Amino acid sequence: MVKLNKIYTRTGDGGDTHLVGGSRTSKADLRVVAFGDVDETNSALGLAIGAITDSALKTALLRVQNDLFDLGADLANPGPDTADGPTALRLTTDQALWLETQIDHYNADLEPLRSFVLPGGEEASARLHLARAICRRAERKAVALAQGGPVNTHALVYLNRLSDFLFVAARWCNQQGAADVLWVPGGGR
């Protein structure tokens, strides 16, 4: 269990931080940037949850927030992507599969798209679209990290599914898609 009595430690004042396992790296290291983007996704998701009135969707998104903490710990582990043990917290196939069930559940209420959707509409929808865009950035950073070293492949799959779920949830919060703001190609000419 995590116990934090003192919030500041001064150990990062020089621009470096601890990773899982005790090694230190620059706060500008791609690994730190990747799990920082996951943290930003989680924060944006918390903001979105505040605007959502549906209790089932809130519960699902709260589970996602917990998974995102697991994902941050996973990305903070520079060990092999299959590393197990008492300190290894890795995402699993089941977490991405759960997201797929959520996508299917909420997408069942939506009409098929006729155009790309602009990020807007109802407040909850706009906030979910923001979280989705940040999630896509986190995914890009995690993919870049994986190109240079070990990253749990389940973490990459989870980020990809999560952005899909956030897109579907955003549409669902737009009156089951009825209030979607659709892109009109060339509409501003």
C-alpha atoms as a PDB file:
ATOM      1  CA  MET A   1       0.000   0.000   0.000  1.00  0.00           C
ATOM      2  CA  VAL A   2       1.183   3.508  -0.769  1.00  0.00           C
ATOM      3  CA  LYS A   3       1.848   5.764   2.200  1.00  0.00           C
ATOM      4  CA  LEU A   4       2.871   9.367   1.585  1.00  0.00           C
ATOM      5  CA  ASN A   5       3.550  11.422   4.677  1.00  0.00           C
ATOM      6  CA  LYS A   6       5.731  13.999   2.999  1.00  0.00           C
ATOM      7  CA  ILE A   7       4.833  15.302  -0.457  1.00  0.00           C
ATOM      8  CA  TYR A   8       8.107  17.015  -1.307  1.00  0.00           C
ATOM      9  CA  THR A   9      11.375  15.079  -1.123  1.00  0.00           C
ATOM     10  CA  ARG A  10      13.772  17.409  -2.957  1.00  0.00           C
ATOM     11  CA  THR A  11      15.172  14.367  -4.783  1.00  0.00           C
ATOM     12  CA  GLY A  12      13.865  15.646  -8.118  1.00  0.00           C
ATOM     13  CA  ASP A  13      15.151  19.187  -7.814  1.00  0.00           C
ATOM     14  CA  GLY A  14      17.970  18.440 -10.259  1.00  0.00           C
ATOM     15  CA  GLY A  15      15.573  17.333 -12.999  1.00  0.00           C
ATOM     16  CA  ASP A  16      15.590  13.587 -12.495  1.00  0.00           C
ATOM     17  CA  THR A  17      13.164  11.094 -10.965  1.00  0.00           C
ATOM     18  CA  HIS A  18      12.918   7.493  -9.748  1.00  0.00           C
ATOM     19  CA  LEU A  19      11.562   4.674 -11.889  1.00  0.00           C
ATOM     20  CA  VAL A  20      10.172   1.356 -10.696  1.00  0.00           C
ATOM     21  CA  GLY A  21      13.129  -0.661  -9.470  1.00  0.00           C
ATOM     22  CA  GLY A  22      14.954   2.363  -8.076  1.00  0.00           C
ATOM     23  CA  SER A  23      16.872   3.621 -11.109  1.00  0.00           C
ATOM     24  CA  ARG A  24      16.870   7.345 -11.822  1.00  0.00           C
ATOM     25  CA  THR A  25      16.313   9.097 -15.134  1.00  0.00           C
ATOM     26  CA  SER A  26      15.768  12.584 -16.498  1.00  0.00           C
ATOM     27  CA  LYS A  27      12.281  14.024 -16.171  1.00  0.00           C
ATOM     28  CA  ALA A  28      12.595  14.709 -19.911  1.00  0.00           C
ATOM     29  CA  ASP A  29      13.180  11.003 -20.667  1.00  0.00           C
ATOM     30  CA  LEU A  30      10.587   9.578 -23.078  1.00  0.00           C
ATOM     31  CA  ARG A  31       9.502   7.045 -20.441  1.00  0.00           C
ATOM     32  CA  VAL A  32       8.657   9.835 -17.988  1.00  0.00           C
ATOM     33  CA  VAL A  33       6.950  11.851 -20.735  1.00  0.00           C
ATOM     34  CA  ALA A  34       4.836   8.805 -21.649  1.00  0.00           C
ATOM     35  CA  PHE A  35       3.590   8.155 -18.135  1.00  0.00           C
ATOM     36  CA  GLY A  36       3.150  11.900 -17.663  1.00  0.00           C
ATOM     37  CA  ASP A  37       0.802  11.937 -20.649  1.00  0.00           C
ATOM     38  CA  VAL A  38      -1.100   9.033 -19.071  1.00  0.00           C
ATOM     39  CA  ASP A  39      -1.412  11.122 -15.894  1.00  0.00           C
ATOM     40  CA  GLU A  40      -2.685  14.052 -17.967  1.00  0.00           C
ATOM     41  CA  THR A  41      -5.239  11.740 -19.602  1.00  0.00           C
ATOM     42  CA  ASN A  42      -6.375  10.677 -16.141  1.00  0.00           C
ATOM     43  CA  SER A  43      -6.719  14.291 -15.007  1.00  0.00           C
ATOM     44  CA  ALA A  44      -8.772  15.216 -18.076  1.00  0.00           C
ATOM     45  CA  LEU A  45     -10.915  12.154 -17.455  1.00  0.00           C
ATOM     46  CA  GLY A  46     -11.534  13.316 -13.881  1.00  0.00           C
ATOM     47  CA  LEU A  47     -12.743  16.637 -15.256  1.00  0.00           C
ATOM     48  CA  ALA A  48     -15.055  14.825 -17.686  1.00  0.00           C
ATOM     49  CA  ILE A  49     -16.498  12.620 -14.956  1.00  0.00           C
ATOM     50  CA  GLY A  50     -17.589  15.768 -13.114  1.00  0.00           C
ATOM     51  CA  ALA A  51     -19.901  16.644 -16.024  1.00  0.00           C
ATOM     52  CA  ILE A  52     -21.383  13.165 -16.538  1.00  0.00           C
ATOM     53  CA  THR A  53     -24.765  12.425 -14.988  1.00  0.00           C
ATOM     54  CA  ASP A  54     -25.123   8.737 -15.915  1.00  0.00           C
ATOM     55  CA  SER A  55     -24.017   6.637 -12.927  1.00  0.00           C
ATOM     56  CA  ALA A  56     -23.067   3.545 -14.965  1.00  0.00           C
ATOM     57  CA  LEU A  57     -20.795   5.561 -17.253  1.00  0.00           C
ATOM     58  CA  LYS A  58     -19.272   7.333 -14.243  1.00  0.00           C
ATOM     59  CA  THR A  59     -18.548   3.965 -12.631  1.00  0.00           C
ATOM     60  CA  ALA A  60     -16.917   2.688 -15.820  1.00  0.00           C
ATOM     61  CA  LEU A  61     -14.770   5.810 -16.138  1.00  0.00           C
ATOM     62  CA  LEU A  62     -13.714   5.593 -12.484  1.00  0.00           C
ATOM     63  CA  ARG A  63     -12.484   2.071 -13.217  1.00  0.00           C
ATOM     64  CA  VAL A  64     -10.555   3.498 -16.173  1.00  0.00           C
ATOM     65  CA  GLN A  65      -8.971   6.087 -13.879  1.00  0.00           C
ATOM     66  CA  ASN A  66      -7.726   3.300 -11.626  1.00  0.00           C
ATOM     67  CA  ASP A  67      -6.418   1.388 -14.656  1.00  0.00           C
ATOM     68  CA  LEU A  68      -4.582   4.528 -15.755  1.00  0.00           C
ATOM     69  CA  PHE A  69      -2.700   4.579 -12.450  1.00  0.00           C
ATOM     70  CA  ASP A  70      -1.764   0.944 -13.100  1.00  0.00           C
ATOM     71  CA  LEU A  71      -0.694   1.946 -16.611  1.00  0.00           C
ATOM     72  CA  GLY A  72       1.481   4.755 -15.269  1.00  0.00           C
ATOM     73  CA  ALA A  73       3.209   2.281 -12.948  1.00  0.00           C
ATOM     74  CA  ASP A  74       3.589  -0.129 -15.855  1.00  0.00           C
ATOM     75  CA  LEU A  75       5.252   2.490 -18.056  1.00  0.00           C
ATOM     76  CA  ALA A  76       7.475   3.576 -15.144  1.00  0.00           C
ATOM     77  CA  ASN A  77       8.957   0.068 -15.109  1.00  0.00           C
ATOM     78  CA  PRO A  78      11.993  -0.005 -17.420  1.00  0.00           C
ATOM     79  CA  GLY A  79      12.316  -3.786 -17.072  1.00  0.00           C
ATOM     80  CA  PRO A  80      11.387  -6.341 -19.699  1.00  0.00           C
ATOM     81  CA  ASP A  81       7.772  -6.117 -20.797  1.00  0.00           C
ATOM     82  CA  THR A  82       7.134  -9.550 -19.302  1.00  0.00           C
ATOM     83  CA  ALA A  83       8.731  -8.760 -15.926  1.00  0.00           C
ATOM     84  CA  ASP A  84       6.786 -10.269 -13.073  1.00  0.00           C
ATOM     85  CA  GLY A  85       7.276 -10.152  -9.359  1.00  0.00           C
ATOM     86  CA  PRO A  86       6.037  -8.304  -6.319  1.00  0.00           C
ATOM     87  CA  THR A  87       6.999  -4.866  -7.683  1.00  0.00           C
ATOM     88  CA  ALA A  88       5.838  -5.410 -11.268  1.00  0.00           C
ATOM     89  CA  LEU A  89       2.417  -3.956 -12.001  1.00  0.00           C
ATOM     90  CA  ARG A  90       1.568  -4.729 -15.619  1.00  0.00           C
ATOM     91  CA  LEU A  91      -1.618  -4.239 -17.591  1.00  0.00           C
ATOM     92  CA  THR A  92      -3.272  -7.402 -18.848  1.00  0.00           C
ATOM     93  CA  THR A  93      -5.279  -8.531 -21.836  1.00  0.00           C
ATOM     94  CA  ASP A  94      -8.410  -8.584 -19.659  1.00  0.00           C
ATOM     95  CA  GLN A  95      -8.281  -4.834 -19.075  1.00  0.00           C
ATOM     96  CA  ALA A  96      -8.338  -4.094 -22.810  1.00  0.00           C
ATOM     97  CA  LEU A  97     -11.053  -6.708 -23.336  1.00  0.00           C
ATOM     98  CA  TRP A  98     -13.173  -5.005 -20.664  1.00  0.00           C
ATOM     99  CA  LEU A  99     -12.806  -1.741 -22.612  1.00  0.00           C
ATOM    100  CA  GLU A 100     -14.052  -3.535 -25.728  1.00  0.00           C
ATOM    101  CA  THR A 101     -17.191  -4.624 -23.865  1.00  0.00           C
ATOM    102  CA  GLN A 102     -17.763  -1.021 -22.820  1.00  0.00           C
ATOM    103  CA  ILE A 103     -17.270   0.203 -26.387  1.00  0.00           C
ATOM    104  CA  ASP A 104     -19.765  -2.351 -27.690  1.00  0.00           C
ATOM    105  CA  HIS A 105     -22.281  -1.518 -24.934  1.00  0.00           C
ATOM    106  CA  TYR A 106     -22.308   2.254 -25.527  1.00  0.00           C
ATOM    107  CA  ASN A 107     -21.904   2.036 -29.299  1.00  0.00           C
ATOM    108  CA  ALA A 108     -25.067  -0.101 -29.516  1.00  0.00           C
ATOM    109  CA  ASP A 109     -27.119   3.058 -28.768  1.00  0.00           C
ATOM    110  CA  LEU A 110     -25.461   5.123 -31.516  1.00  0.00           C
ATOM    111  CA  GLU A 111     -26.381   5.604 -35.141  1.00  0.00           C
ATOM    112  CA  PRO A 112     -23.533   4.893 -37.572  1.00  0.00           C
ATOM    113  CA  LEU A 113     -21.434   7.941 -38.392  1.00  0.00           C
ATOM    114  CA  ARG A 114     -22.180   9.897 -41.561  1.00  0.00           C
ATOM    115  CA  SER A 115     -19.244  12.262 -41.115  1.00  0.00           C
ATOM    116  CA  PHE A 116     -16.315  12.843 -38.797  1.00  0.00           C
ATOM    117  CA  VAL A 117     -17.352  14.243 -35.421  1.00  0.00           C
ATOM    118  CA  LEU A 118     -16.017  17.569 -34.177  1.00  0.00           C
ATOM    119  CA  PRO A 119     -15.019  17.551 -30.496  1.00  0.00           C
ATOM    120  CA  GLY A 120     -17.933  19.383 -28.932  1.00  0.00           C
ATOM    121  CA  GLY A 121     -21.629  19.291 -28.242  1.00  0.00           C
ATOM    122  CA  GLU A 122     -22.682  18.680 -24.649  1.00  0.00           C
ATOM    123  CA  GLU A 123     -20.169  19.661 -21.953  1.00  0.00           C
ATOM    124  CA  ALA A 124     -19.510  16.056 -20.885  1.00  0.00           C
ATOM    125  CA  SER A 125     -18.918  15.106 -24.504  1.00  0.00           C
ATOM    126  CA  ALA A 126     -16.457  17.931 -25.086  1.00  0.00           C
ATOM    127  CA  ARG A 127     -14.534  16.968 -21.946  1.00  0.00           C
ATOM    128  CA  LEU A 128     -14.401  13.312 -23.031  1.00  0.00           C
ATOM    129  CA  HIS A 129     -13.116  14.382 -26.453  1.00  0.00           C
ATOM    130  CA  LEU A 130     -10.326  16.322 -24.720  1.00  0.00           C
ATOM    131  CA  ALA A 131      -9.423  13.251 -22.652  1.00  0.00           C
ATOM    132  CA  ARG A 132      -9.463  11.181 -25.871  1.00  0.00           C
ATOM    133  CA  ALA A 133      -7.064  13.556 -27.628  1.00  0.00           C
ATOM    134  CA  ILE A 134      -4.668  13.490 -24.667  1.00  0.00           C
ATOM    135  CA  CYS A 135      -4.954   9.691 -24.592  1.00  0.00           C
ATOM    136  CA  ARG A 136      -3.946   9.559 -28.264  1.00  0.00           C
ATOM    137  CA  ARG A 137      -0.854  11.634 -27.411  1.00  0.00           C
ATOM    138  CA  ALA A 138      -0.039   9.247 -24.551  1.00  0.00           C
ATOM    139  CA  GLU A 139      -0.368   6.361 -26.998  1.00  0.00           C
ATOM    140  CA  ARG A 140       1.997   8.029 -29.484  1.00  0.00           C
ATOM    141  CA  LYS A 141       4.577   8.581 -26.729  1.00  0.00           C
ATOM    142  CA  ALA A 142       4.248   4.991 -25.494  1.00  0.00           C
ATOM    143  CA  VAL A 143       4.688   3.695 -29.059  1.00  0.00           C
ATOM    144  CA  ALA A 144       7.805   5.854 -29.480  1.00  0.00           C
ATOM    145  CA  LEU A 145       9.089   4.511 -26.159  1.00  0.00           C
ATOM    146  CA  ALA A 146       8.447   0.937 -27.306  1.00  0.00           C
ATOM    147  CA  GLN A 147      10.498   1.554 -30.449  1.00  0.00           C
ATOM    148  CA  GLY A 148      13.553   2.123 -28.256  1.00  0.00           C
ATOM    149  CA  GLY A 149      13.049  -0.297 -25.392  1.00  0.00           C
ATOM    150  CA  PRO A 150      10.800  -2.661 -23.517  1.00  0.00           C
ATOM    151  CA  VAL A 151       7.153  -1.668 -23.070  1.00  0.00           C
ATOM    152  CA  ASN A 152       4.336  -3.987 -22.098  1.00  0.00           C
ATOM    153  CA  THR A 153       2.390  -4.623 -25.311  1.00  0.00           C
ATOM    154  CA  HIS A 154      -0.840  -4.789 -23.273  1.00  0.00           C
ATOM    155  CA  ALA A 155      -0.210  -1.167 -22.245  1.00  0.00           C
ATOM    156  CA  LEU A 156      -0.151  -0.119 -25.900  1.00  0.00           C
ATOM    157  CA  VAL A 157      -3.336  -2.050 -26.669  1.00  0.00           C
ATOM    158  CA  TYR A 158      -5.043  -0.539 -23.622  1.00  0.00           C
ATOM    159  CA  LEU A 159      -4.260   3.019 -24.710  1.00  0.00           C
ATOM    160  CA  ASN A 160      -5.570   2.313 -28.193  1.00  0.00           C
ATOM    161  CA  ARG A 161      -8.827   0.838 -26.875  1.00  0.00           C
ATOM    162  CA  LEU A 162      -9.202   3.593 -24.306  1.00  0.00           C
ATOM    163  CA  SER A 163      -9.176   6.329 -26.936  1.00  0.00           C
ATOM    164  CA  ASP A 164     -11.851   4.370 -28.826  1.00  0.00           C
ATOM    165  CA  PHE A 165     -13.942   4.048 -25.664  1.00  0.00           C
ATOM    166  CA  LEU A 166     -13.606   7.762 -24.914  1.00  0.00           C
ATOM    167  CA  PHE A 167     -14.745   8.574 -28.455  1.00  0.00           C
ATOM    168  CA  VAL A 168     -17.815   6.337 -28.153  1.00  0.00           C
ATOM    169  CA  ALA A 169     -18.565   7.651 -24.650  1.00  0.00           C
ATOM    170  CA  ALA A 170     -18.302  11.230 -25.936  1.00  0.00           C
ATOM    171  CA  ARG A 171     -20.805  10.470 -28.689  1.00  0.00           C
ATOM    172  CA  TRP A 172     -23.083   8.703 -26.206  1.00  0.00           C
ATOM    173  CA  CYS A 173     -22.999  11.780 -23.932  1.00  0.00           C
ATOM    174  CA  ASN A 174     -24.129  13.824 -26.931  1.00  0.00           C
ATOM    175  CA  GLN A 175     -27.672  12.524 -26.539  1.00  0.00           C
ATOM    176  CA  GLN A 176     -26.670   9.124 -27.935  1.00  0.00           C
ATOM    177  CA  GLY A 177     -25.107  10.852 -30.946  1.00  0.00           C
ATOM    178  CA  ALA A 178     -28.096  13.086 -31.754  1.00  0.00           C
ATOM    179  CA  ALA A 179     -26.185  16.198 -30.614  1.00  0.00           C
ATOM    180  CA  ASP A 180     -22.910  15.285 -32.329  1.00  0.00           C
ATOM    181  CA  VAL A 181     -21.321  18.197 -34.116  1.00  0.00           C
ATOM    182  CA  LEU A 182     -20.430  16.884 -37.576  1.00  0.00           C
ATOM    183  CA  TRP A 183     -17.547  18.016 -39.730  1.00  0.00           C
ATOM    184  CA  VAL A 184     -18.611  19.786 -42.931  1.00  0.00           C
ATOM    185  CA  PRO A 185     -15.660  19.501 -45.330  1.00  0.00           C
ATOM    186  CA  GLY A 186     -14.860  22.939 -46.710  1.00  0.00           C
ATOM    187  CA  GLY A 187     -17.707  24.439 -44.684  1.00  0.00           C
ATOM    188  CA  GLY A 188     -15.684  27.502 -43.724  1.00  0.00           C
ATOM    189  CA  ARG A 189     -14.739  28.572 -47.249  1.00  0.00           C
END
